[in-house]
PDB file of N, CA and C in Angstrom:
ATOM      1  N   MET A   1       7.150   4.593   1.563  1.00  0.00           N
ATOM      2  CA  MET A   1       6.027   4.056   0.823  1.00  0.00           C
ATOM      3  C   MET A   1       6.282   4.311  -0.657  1.00  0.00           C
ATOM      4  N   CYS A   2       5.904   3.364  -1.458  1.00  0.00           N
ATOM      5  CA  CYS A   2       6.104   3.433  -2.901  1.00  0.00           C
ATOM      6  C   CYS A   2       4.759   3.574  -3.597  1.00  0.00           C
ATOM      7  N   VAL A   3       4.644   4.548  -4.478  1.00  0.00           N
ATOM      8  CA  VAL A   3       3.469   4.635  -5.336  1.00  0.00           C
ATOM      9  C   VAL A   3       3.837   3.852  -6.582  1.00  0.00           C
ATOM     10  N   CYS A   4       3.279   2.680  -6.707  1.00  0.00           N
ATOM     11  CA  CYS A   4       3.743   1.712  -7.695  1.00  0.00           C
ATOM     12  C   CYS A   4       2.872   1.624  -8.938  1.00  0.00           C
ATOM     13  N   GLY A   5       1.899   2.487  -9.076  1.00  0.00           N
ATOM     14  CA  GLY A   5       1.058   2.451 -10.259  1.00  0.00           C
ATOM     15  C   GLY A   5      -0.254   1.757 -10.005  1.00  0.00           C
ATOM     16  N   VAL A   6      -0.887   1.376 -11.092  1.00  0.00           N
ATOM     17  CA  VAL A   6      -2.209   0.760 -11.017  1.00  0.00           C
ATOM     18  C   VAL A   6      -2.075  -0.751 -11.049  1.00  0.00           C
ATOM     19  N   GLY A   7      -2.816  -1.411 -10.196  1.00  0.00           N
ATOM     20  CA  GLY A   7      -2.806  -2.872 -10.189  1.00  0.00           C
ATOM     21  C   GLY A   7      -3.668  -3.408  -9.074  1.00  0.00           C
ATOM     22  N   ALA A   8      -4.075  -4.643  -9.218  1.00  0.00           N
ATOM     23  CA  ALA A   8      -4.904  -5.287  -8.205  1.00  0.00           C
ATOM     24  C   ALA A   8      -4.040  -5.911  -7.120  1.00  0.00           C
ATOM     25  N   VAL A   9      -4.522  -5.808  -5.883  1.00  0.00           N
ATOM     26  CA  VAL A   9      -3.885  -6.466  -4.746  1.00  0.00           C
ATOM     27  C   VAL A   9      -4.611  -7.787  -4.534  1.00  0.00           C
ATOM     28  N   SER A  10      -3.841  -8.851  -4.389  1.00  0.00           N
ATOM     29  CA  SER A  10      -4.409 -10.177  -4.174  1.00  0.00           C
ATOM     30  C   SER A  10      -3.715 -10.817  -2.981  1.00  0.00           C
ATOM     31  N   VAL A  11      -4.512 -11.507  -2.155  1.00  0.00           N
ATOM     32  CA  VAL A  11      -3.966 -12.192  -0.980  1.00  0.00           C
ATOM     33  C   VAL A  11      -4.475 -13.620  -0.979  1.00  0.00           C
ATOM     34  N   LEU A  12      -3.559 -14.557  -0.906  1.00  0.00           N
ATOM     35  CA  LEU A  12      -3.895 -15.972  -0.770  1.00  0.00           C
ATOM     36  C   LEU A  12      -3.486 -16.380   0.637  1.00  0.00           C
ATOM     37  N   LEU A  13      -4.481 -16.651   1.486  1.00  0.00           N
ATOM     38  CA  LEU A  13      -4.232 -16.998   2.884  1.00  0.00           C
ATOM     39  C   LEU A  13      -4.417 -18.501   3.064  1.00  0.00           C
ATOM     40  N   THR A  14      -3.427 -19.131   3.679  1.00  0.00           N
ATOM     41  CA  THR A  14      -3.438 -20.577   3.887  1.00  0.00           C
ATOM     42  C   THR A  14      -3.312 -20.863   5.378  1.00  0.00           C
ATOM     43  N   ASP A  15      -4.167 -21.759   5.895  1.00  0.00           N
ATOM     44  CA  ASP A  15      -4.110 -22.105   7.318  1.00  0.00           C
ATOM     45  C   ASP A  15      -3.037 -23.175   7.559  1.00  0.00           C
ATOM     46  N   PRO A  16      -2.781 -23.538   8.829  1.00  0.00           N
ATOM     47  CA  PRO A  16      -1.724 -24.509   9.126  1.00  0.00           C
ATOM     48  C   PRO A  16      -1.928 -25.886   8.490  1.00  0.00           C
ATOM     49  N   ARG A  17      -3.171 -26.217   8.115  1.00  0.00           N
ATOM     50  CA  ARG A  17      -3.457 -27.503   7.474  1.00  0.00           C
ATOM     51  C   ARG A  17      -3.264 -27.445   5.962  1.00  0.00           C
ATOM     52  N   GLY A  18      -2.926 -26.248   5.441  1.00  0.00           N
ATOM     53  CA  GLY A  18      -2.749 -26.100   4.000  1.00  0.00           C
ATOM     54  C   GLY A  18      -4.028 -25.745   3.265  1.00  0.00           C
ATOM     55  N   GLN A  19      -5.104 -25.463   4.003  1.00  0.00           N
ATOM     56  CA  GLN A  19      -6.379 -25.108   3.403  1.00  0.00           C
ATOM     57  C   GLN A  19      -6.443 -23.598   3.160  1.00  0.00           C
ATOM     58  N   GLN A  20      -7.021 -23.197   2.040  1.00  0.00           N
ATOM     59  CA  GLN A  20      -7.170 -21.784   1.725  1.00  0.00           C
ATOM     60  C   GLN A  20      -8.280 -21.179   2.586  1.00  0.00           C
ATOM     61  N   VAL A  21      -8.021 -19.971   3.110  1.00  0.00           N
ATOM     62  CA  VAL A  21      -8.982 -19.238   3.932  1.00  0.00           C
ATOM     63  C   VAL A  21      -9.503 -18.053   3.107  1.00  0.00           C
ATOM     64  N   PRO A  22     -10.828 -17.907   2.972  1.00  0.00           N
ATOM     65  CA  PRO A  22     -11.369 -16.765   2.222  1.00  0.00           C
ATOM     66  C   PRO A  22     -10.982 -15.439   2.878  1.00  0.00           C
ATOM     67  N   VAL A  23     -10.643 -14.446   2.060  1.00  0.00           N
ATOM     68  CA  VAL A  23     -10.268 -13.124   2.563  1.00  0.00           C
ATOM     69  C   VAL A  23     -11.039 -12.048   1.808  1.00  0.00           C
ATOM     70  N   SER A  24     -11.134 -10.892   2.441  1.00  0.00           N
ATOM     71  CA  SER A  24     -11.635  -9.683   1.781  1.00  0.00           C
ATOM     72  C   SER A  24     -10.493  -8.684   1.791  1.00  0.00           C
ATOM     73  N   VAL A  25     -10.168  -8.132   0.630  1.00  0.00           N
ATOM     74  CA  VAL A  25      -9.134  -7.112   0.517  1.00  0.00           C
ATOM     75  C   VAL A  25      -9.841  -5.778   0.313  1.00  0.00           C
ATOM     76  N   ILE A  26      -9.613  -4.833   1.247  1.00  0.00           N
ATOM     77  CA  ILE A  26     -10.303  -3.551   1.226  1.00  0.00           C
ATOM     78  C   ILE A  26      -9.303  -2.440   0.937  1.00  0.00           C
ATOM     79  N   ASP A  27      -9.598  -1.641  -0.077  1.00  0.00           N
ATOM     80  CA  ASP A  27      -8.775  -0.483  -0.423  1.00  0.00           C
ATOM     81  C   ASP A  27      -9.113   0.649   0.536  1.00  0.00           C
ATOM     82  N   ASN A  28      -8.134   1.124   1.300  1.00  0.00           N
ATOM     83  CA  ASN A  28      -8.336   2.215   2.248  1.00  0.00           C
ATOM     84  C   ASN A  28      -8.300   3.587   1.578  1.00  0.00           C
ATOM     85  N   HIS A  29      -8.028   3.627   0.283  1.00  0.00           N
ATOM     86  CA  HIS A  29      -7.966   4.867  -0.507  1.00  0.00           C
ATOM     87  C   HIS A  29      -6.912   5.843   0.011  1.00  0.00           C
ATOM     88  N   ASP A  30      -5.868   5.298   0.634  1.00  0.00           N
ATOM     89  CA  ASP A  30      -4.737   6.114   1.078  1.00  0.00           C
ATOM     90  C   ASP A  30      -3.421   5.394   0.758  1.00  0.00           C
ATOM     91  N   LEU A  31      -3.458   4.589  -0.314  1.00  0.00           N
ATOM     92  CA  LEU A  31      -2.332   3.786  -0.783  1.00  0.00           C
ATOM     93  C   LEU A  31      -2.050   2.588   0.125  1.00  0.00           C
ATOM     94  N   THR A  32      -2.997   2.250   1.015  1.00  0.00           N
ATOM     95  CA  THR A  32      -2.874   1.056   1.845  1.00  0.00           C
ATOM     96  C   THR A  32      -4.120   0.187   1.666  1.00  0.00           C
ATOM     97  N   TYR A  33      -3.998  -1.059   2.067  1.00  0.00           N
ATOM     98  CA  TYR A  33      -5.097  -2.017   1.972  1.00  0.00           C
ATOM     99  C   TYR A  33      -5.252  -2.726   3.302  1.00  0.00           C
ATOM    100  N   ARG A  34      -6.470  -3.157   3.595  1.00  0.00           N
ATOM    101  CA  ARG A  34      -6.755  -3.943   4.794  1.00  0.00           C
ATOM    102  C   ARG A  34      -7.247  -5.313   4.328  1.00  0.00           C
ATOM    103  N   VAL A  35      -6.810  -6.353   5.011  1.00  0.00           N
ATOM    104  CA  VAL A  35      -7.247  -7.707   4.695  1.00  0.00           C
ATOM    105  C   VAL A  35      -8.022  -8.235   5.891  1.00  0.00           C
ATOM    106  N   GLU A  36      -9.257  -8.689   5.645  1.00  0.00           N
ATOM    107  CA  GLU A  36     -10.080  -9.244   6.703  1.00  0.00           C
ATOM    108  C   GLU A  36     -10.348 -10.715   6.415  1.00  0.00           C
ATOM    109  N   PHE A  37     -10.325 -11.513   7.477  1.00  0.00           N
ATOM    110  CA  PHE A  37     -10.619 -12.940   7.321  1.00  0.00           C
ATOM    111  C   PHE A  37     -11.108 -13.499   8.637  1.00  0.00           C
ATOM    112  N   THR A  38     -11.808 -14.601   8.558  1.00  0.00           N
ATOM    113  CA  THR A  38     -12.236 -15.357   9.731  1.00  0.00           C
ATOM    114  C   THR A  38     -11.803 -16.791   9.514  1.00  0.00           C
ATOM    115  N   THR A  39     -11.128 -17.331  10.504  1.00  0.00           N
ATOM    116  CA  THR A  39     -10.664 -18.707  10.412  1.00  0.00           C
ATOM    117  C   THR A  39     -11.111 -19.486  11.641  1.00  0.00           C
ATOM    118  N   GLN A  40     -11.285 -20.759  11.494  1.00  0.00           N
ATOM    119  CA  GLN A  40     -11.660 -21.627  12.607  1.00  0.00           C
ATOM    120  C   GLN A  40     -10.447 -22.359  13.171  1.00  0.00           C
ATOM    121  N   VAL A  41      -9.266 -22.098  12.594  1.00  0.00           N
ATOM    122  CA  VAL A  41      -8.054 -22.837  12.948  1.00  0.00           C
ATOM    123  C   VAL A  41      -7.032 -21.887  13.561  1.00  0.00           C
ATOM    124  N   SER A  42      -6.518 -22.225  14.751  1.00  0.00           N
ATOM    125  CA  SER A  42      -5.440 -21.433  15.331  1.00  0.00           C
ATOM    126  C   SER A  42      -4.106 -21.960  14.812  1.00  0.00           C
ATOM    127  N   GLY A  43      -3.077 -21.129  14.958  1.00  0.00           N
ATOM    128  CA  GLY A  43      -1.740 -21.505  14.498  1.00  0.00           C
ATOM    129  C   GLY A  43      -1.243 -20.545  13.434  1.00  0.00           C
ATOM    130  N   VAL A  44      -0.110 -20.875  12.836  1.00  0.00           N
ATOM    131  CA  VAL A  44       0.533 -19.993  11.858  1.00  0.00           C
ATOM    132  C   VAL A  44      -0.136 -20.123  10.494  1.00  0.00           C
ATOM    133  N   HIS A  45      -0.648 -19.006  10.011  1.00  0.00           N
ATOM    134  CA  HIS A  45      -1.237 -18.902   8.683  1.00  0.00           C
ATOM    135  C   HIS A  45      -0.226 -18.186   7.784  1.00  0.00           C
ATOM    136  N   THR A  46      -0.298 -18.436   6.498  1.00  0.00           N
ATOM    137  CA  THR A  46       0.617 -17.815   5.539  1.00  0.00           C
ATOM    138  C   THR A  46      -0.185 -16.975   4.553  1.00  0.00           C
ATOM    139  N   ALA A  47       0.229 -15.705   4.391  1.00  0.00           N
ATOM    140  CA  ALA A  47      -0.436 -14.791   3.469  1.00  0.00           C
ATOM    141  C   ALA A  47       0.526 -14.455   2.327  1.00  0.00           C
ATOM    142  N   ALA A  48       0.213 -14.951   1.132  1.00  0.00           N
ATOM    143  CA  ALA A  48       1.001 -14.639  -0.061  1.00  0.00           C
ATOM    144  C   ALA A  48       0.328 -13.446  -0.742  1.00  0.00           C
ATOM    145  N   VAL A  49       1.044 -12.325  -0.842  1.00  0.00           N
ATOM    146  CA  VAL A  49       0.480 -11.078  -1.348  1.00  0.00           C
ATOM    147  C   VAL A  49       1.108 -10.721  -2.686  1.00  0.00           C
ATOM    148  N   THR A  50       0.241 -10.368  -3.645  1.00  0.00           N
ATOM    149  CA  THR A  50       0.722  -9.898  -4.948  1.00  0.00           C
ATOM    150  C   THR A  50       0.085  -8.551  -5.271  1.00  0.00           C
ATOM    151  N   PHE A  51       0.795  -7.771  -6.078  1.00  0.00           N
ATOM    152  CA  PHE A  51       0.296  -6.503  -6.606  1.00  0.00           C
ATOM    153  C   PHE A  51       0.556  -6.515  -8.096  1.00  0.00           C
ATOM    154  N   ALA A  52      -0.495  -6.315  -8.862  1.00  0.00           N
ATOM    155  CA  ALA A  52      -0.399  -6.332 -10.325  1.00  0.00           C
ATOM    156  C   ALA A  52       0.232  -7.637 -10.811  1.00  0.00           C
ATOM    157  N   GLY A  53      -0.074  -8.729 -10.098  1.00  0.00           N
ATOM    158  CA  GLY A  53       0.429 -10.039 -10.492  1.00  0.00           C
ATOM    159  C   GLY A  53       1.848 -10.348 -10.052  1.00  0.00           C
ATOM    160  N   LEU A  54       2.505  -9.398  -9.378  1.00  0.00           N
ATOM    161  CA  LEU A  54       3.892  -9.592  -8.923  1.00  0.00           C
ATOM    162  C   LEU A  54       3.923  -9.763  -7.409  1.00  0.00           C
ATOM    163  N   THR A  55       4.774 -10.652  -6.935  1.00  0.00           N
ATOM    164  CA  THR A  55       4.893 -10.893  -5.504  1.00  0.00           C
ATOM    165  C   THR A  55       5.413  -9.651  -4.792  1.00  0.00           C
ATOM    166  N   VAL A  56       4.741  -9.269  -3.714  1.00  0.00           N
ATOM    167  CA  VAL A  56       5.142  -8.126  -2.898  1.00  0.00           C
ATOM    168  C   VAL A  56       6.413  -8.503  -2.131  1.00  0.00           C
ATOM    169  N   PRO A  57       7.382  -7.572  -2.007  1.00  0.00           N
ATOM    170  CA  PRO A  57       8.599  -7.875  -1.248  1.00  0.00           C
ATOM    171  C   PRO A  57       8.292  -8.402   0.149  1.00  0.00           C
ATOM    172  N   ARG A  58       9.049  -9.381   0.590  1.00  0.00           N
ATOM    173  CA  ARG A  58       8.965 -10.068   1.887  1.00  0.00           C
ATOM    174  C   ARG A  58       7.749 -10.984   1.999  1.00  0.00           C
ATOM    175  N   SER A  59       6.953 -11.092   0.946  1.00  0.00           N
ATOM    176  CA  SER A  59       5.835 -12.039   0.932  1.00  0.00           C
ATOM    177  C   SER A  59       6.391 -13.419   0.614  1.00  0.00           C
ATOM    178  N   PRO A  60       5.869 -14.469   1.212  1.00  0.00           N
ATOM    179  CA  PRO A  60       4.673 -14.547   2.045  1.00  0.00           C
ATOM    180  C   PRO A  60       4.939 -14.096   3.479  1.00  0.00           C
ATOM    181  N   PHE A  61       3.870 -13.595   4.105  1.00  0.00           N
ATOM    182  CA  PHE A  61       3.899 -13.147   5.489  1.00  0.00           C
ATOM    183  C   PHE A  61       3.278 -14.228   6.365  1.00  0.00           C
ATOM    184  N   THR A  62       3.700 -14.284   7.618  1.00  0.00           N
ATOM    185  CA  THR A  62       3.095 -15.237   8.543  1.00  0.00           C
ATOM    186  C   THR A  62       2.226 -14.481   9.548  1.00  0.00           C
ATOM    187  N   ILE A  63       1.103 -15.101   9.899  1.00  0.00           N
ATOM    188  CA  ILE A  63       0.162 -14.539  10.863  1.00  0.00           C
ATOM    189  C   ILE A  63      -0.110 -15.633  11.887  1.00  0.00           C
ATOM    190  N   ASN A  64       0.227 -15.364  13.142  1.00  0.00           N
ATOM    191  CA  ASN A  64       0.002 -16.354  14.195  1.00  0.00           C
ATOM    192  C   ASN A  64      -1.375 -16.111  14.807  1.00  0.00           C
ATOM    193  N   VAL A  65      -2.322 -16.965  14.493  1.00  0.00           N
ATOM    194  CA  VAL A  65      -3.697 -16.837  14.979  1.00  0.00           C
ATOM    195  C   VAL A  65      -3.820 -17.596  16.292  1.00  0.00           C
ATOM    196  N   GLN A  66      -4.250 -16.888  17.337  1.00  0.00           N
ATOM    197  CA  GLN A  66      -4.412 -17.479  18.660  1.00  0.00           C
ATOM    198  C   GLN A  66      -5.868 -17.918  18.851  1.00  0.00           C
ATOM    199  N   PRO A  67      -6.106 -18.926  19.681  1.00  0.00           N
ATOM    200  CA  PRO A  67      -7.489 -19.342  19.956  1.00  0.00           C
ATOM    201  C   PRO A  67      -8.280 -18.194  20.573  1.00  0.00           C
ATOM    202  N   ALA A  68      -9.570 -18.156  20.290  1.00  0.00           N
ATOM    203  CA  ALA A  68     -10.446 -17.112  20.835  1.00  0.00           C
ATOM    204  C   ALA A  68     -10.594 -17.294  22.341  1.00  0.00           C
ATOM    205  N   THR A  69     -10.870 -16.192  23.020  1.00  0.00           N
ATOM    206  CA  THR A  69     -11.110 -16.207  24.451  1.00  0.00           C
ATOM    207  C   THR A  69     -12.603 -16.045  24.694  1.00  0.00           C
ATOM    208  N   ASP A  70     -13.162 -16.838  25.576  1.00  0.00           N
ATOM    209  CA  ASP A  70     -14.573 -16.755  25.922  1.00  0.00           C
ATOM    210  C   ASP A  70     -14.718 -15.784  27.093  1.00  0.00           C
ATOM    211  N   ALA A  71     -15.101 -14.527  26.796  1.00  0.00           N
ATOM    212  CA  ALA A  71     -15.205 -13.489  27.828  1.00  0.00           C
ATOM    213  C   ALA A  71     -16.243 -13.823  28.892  1.00  0.00           C
ATOM    214  N   SER A  72     -17.195 -14.680  28.577  1.00  0.00           N
ATOM    215  CA  SER A  72     -18.218 -15.028  29.572  1.00  0.00           C
ATOM    216  C   SER A  72     -17.632 -15.860  30.714  1.00  0.00           C
ATOM    217  N   LYS A  73     -16.436 -16.377  30.544  1.00  0.00           N
ATOM    218  CA  LYS A  73     -15.821 -17.210  31.576  1.00  0.00           C
ATOM    219  C   LYS A  73     -14.822 -16.428  32.440  1.00  0.00           C
ATOM    220  N   VAL A  74     -14.731 -15.103  32.236  1.00  0.00           N
ATOM    221  CA  VAL A  74     -13.828 -14.265  33.025  1.00  0.00           C
ATOM    222  C   VAL A  74     -14.356 -14.155  34.445  1.00  0.00           C
ATOM    223  N   GLN A  75     -13.480 -14.343  35.425  1.00  0.00           N
ATOM    224  CA  GLN A  75     -13.844 -14.214  36.831  1.00  0.00           C
ATOM    225  C   GLN A  75     -12.910 -13.220  37.483  1.00  0.00           C
ATOM    226  N   VAL A  76     -13.472 -12.344  38.309  1.00  0.00           N
ATOM    227  CA  VAL A  76     -12.679 -11.377  39.067  1.00  0.00           C
ATOM    228  C   VAL A  76     -12.761 -11.799  40.524  1.00  0.00           C
ATOM    229  N   ARG A  77     -11.599 -12.007  41.144  1.00  0.00           N
ATOM    230  CA  ARG A  77     -11.555 -12.455  42.541  1.00  0.00           C
ATOM    231  C   ARG A  77     -10.649 -11.543  43.345  1.00  0.00           C
ATOM    232  N   GLY A  78     -10.844 -11.554  44.638  1.00  0.00           N
ATOM    233  CA  GLY A  78      -9.957 -10.821  45.540  1.00  0.00           C
ATOM    234  C   GLY A  78     -10.400  -9.412  45.848  1.00  0.00           C
ATOM    235  N   LEU A  79     -11.537  -8.966  45.313  1.00  0.00           N
ATOM    236  CA  LEU A  79     -12.041  -7.631  45.632  1.00  0.00           C
ATOM    237  C   LEU A  79     -12.873  -7.701  46.908  1.00  0.00           C
ATOM    238  N   PRO A  80     -12.870  -6.629  47.692  1.00  0.00           N
ATOM    239  CA  PRO A  80     -13.746  -6.605  48.871  1.00  0.00           C
ATOM    240  C   PRO A  80     -15.203  -6.771  48.430  1.00  0.00           C
ATOM    241  N   HIS A  81     -16.002  -7.449  49.251  1.00  0.00           N
ATOM    242  CA  HIS A  81     -17.399  -7.723  48.904  1.00  0.00           C
ATOM    243  C   HIS A  81     -18.204  -6.454  48.673  1.00  0.00           C
ATOM    244  N   SER A  82     -17.820  -5.345  49.291  1.00  0.00           N
ATOM    245  CA  SER A  82     -18.576  -4.109  49.145  1.00  0.00           C
ATOM    246  C   SER A  82     -18.204  -3.356  47.866  1.00  0.00           C
ATOM    247  N   GLN A  83     -17.143  -3.779  47.203  1.00  0.00           N
ATOM    248  CA  GLN A  83     -16.689  -3.090  45.994  1.00  0.00           C
ATOM    249  C   GLN A  83     -17.179  -3.834  44.755  1.00  0.00           C
ATOM    250  N   SER A  84     -17.753  -3.103  43.815  1.00  0.00           N
ATOM    251  CA  SER A  84     -18.253  -3.684  42.575  1.00  0.00           C
ATOM    252  C   SER A  84     -17.410  -3.185  41.415  1.00  0.00           C
ATOM    253  N   THR A  85     -16.936  -4.086  40.568  1.00  0.00           N
ATOM    254  CA  THR A  85     -16.151  -3.726  39.392  1.00  0.00           C
ATOM    255  C   THR A  85     -16.792  -4.325  38.159  1.00  0.00           C
ATOM    256  N   PRO A  86     -17.282  -3.461  37.254  1.00  0.00           N
ATOM    257  CA  PRO A  86     -17.872  -4.013  36.019  1.00  0.00           C
ATOM    258  C   PRO A  86     -16.793  -4.593  35.106  1.00  0.00           C
ATOM    259  N   VAL A  87     -17.133  -5.655  34.411  1.00  0.00           N
ATOM    260  CA  VAL A  87     -16.239  -6.266  33.435  1.00  0.00           C
ATOM    261  C   VAL A  87     -16.929  -6.204  32.090  1.00  0.00           C
ATOM    262  N   ASP A  88     -16.296  -5.536  31.131  1.00  0.00           N
ATOM    263  CA  ASP A  88     -16.854  -5.424  29.792  1.00  0.00           C
ATOM    264  C   ASP A  88     -16.505  -6.690  29.030  1.00  0.00           C
ATOM    265  N   ALA A  89     -17.518  -7.479  28.701  1.00  0.00           N
ATOM    266  CA  ALA A  89     -17.292  -8.772  28.047  1.00  0.00           C
ATOM    267  C   ALA A  89     -17.523  -8.700  26.539  1.00  0.00           C
ATOM    268  N   VAL A  90     -17.376  -7.525  25.947  1.00  0.00           N
ATOM    269  CA  VAL A  90     -17.583  -7.391  24.499  1.00  0.00           C
ATOM    270  C   VAL A  90     -16.326  -7.728  23.765  1.00  0.00           C
TER     271      VAL A  90
END
């Protein structure tokens, strides 16, 4: 890990259609950052990351977003009728 001085972290996230996706960049106060986003599009997204206006090494990064799973449609089959197994759908 490199302590690189003072500077702002910026992330430009682009979806597969080329549209910009809003992000929140959170300082973890341990020399790392977390990026949060919500997208409606599955597929490969591109994250261009800069620090103090300079491109971070190996940027842009790719993020493969998979379609969401609807937990309410989960079915458990093959258990004996007398056995009950809870399914956490959170």
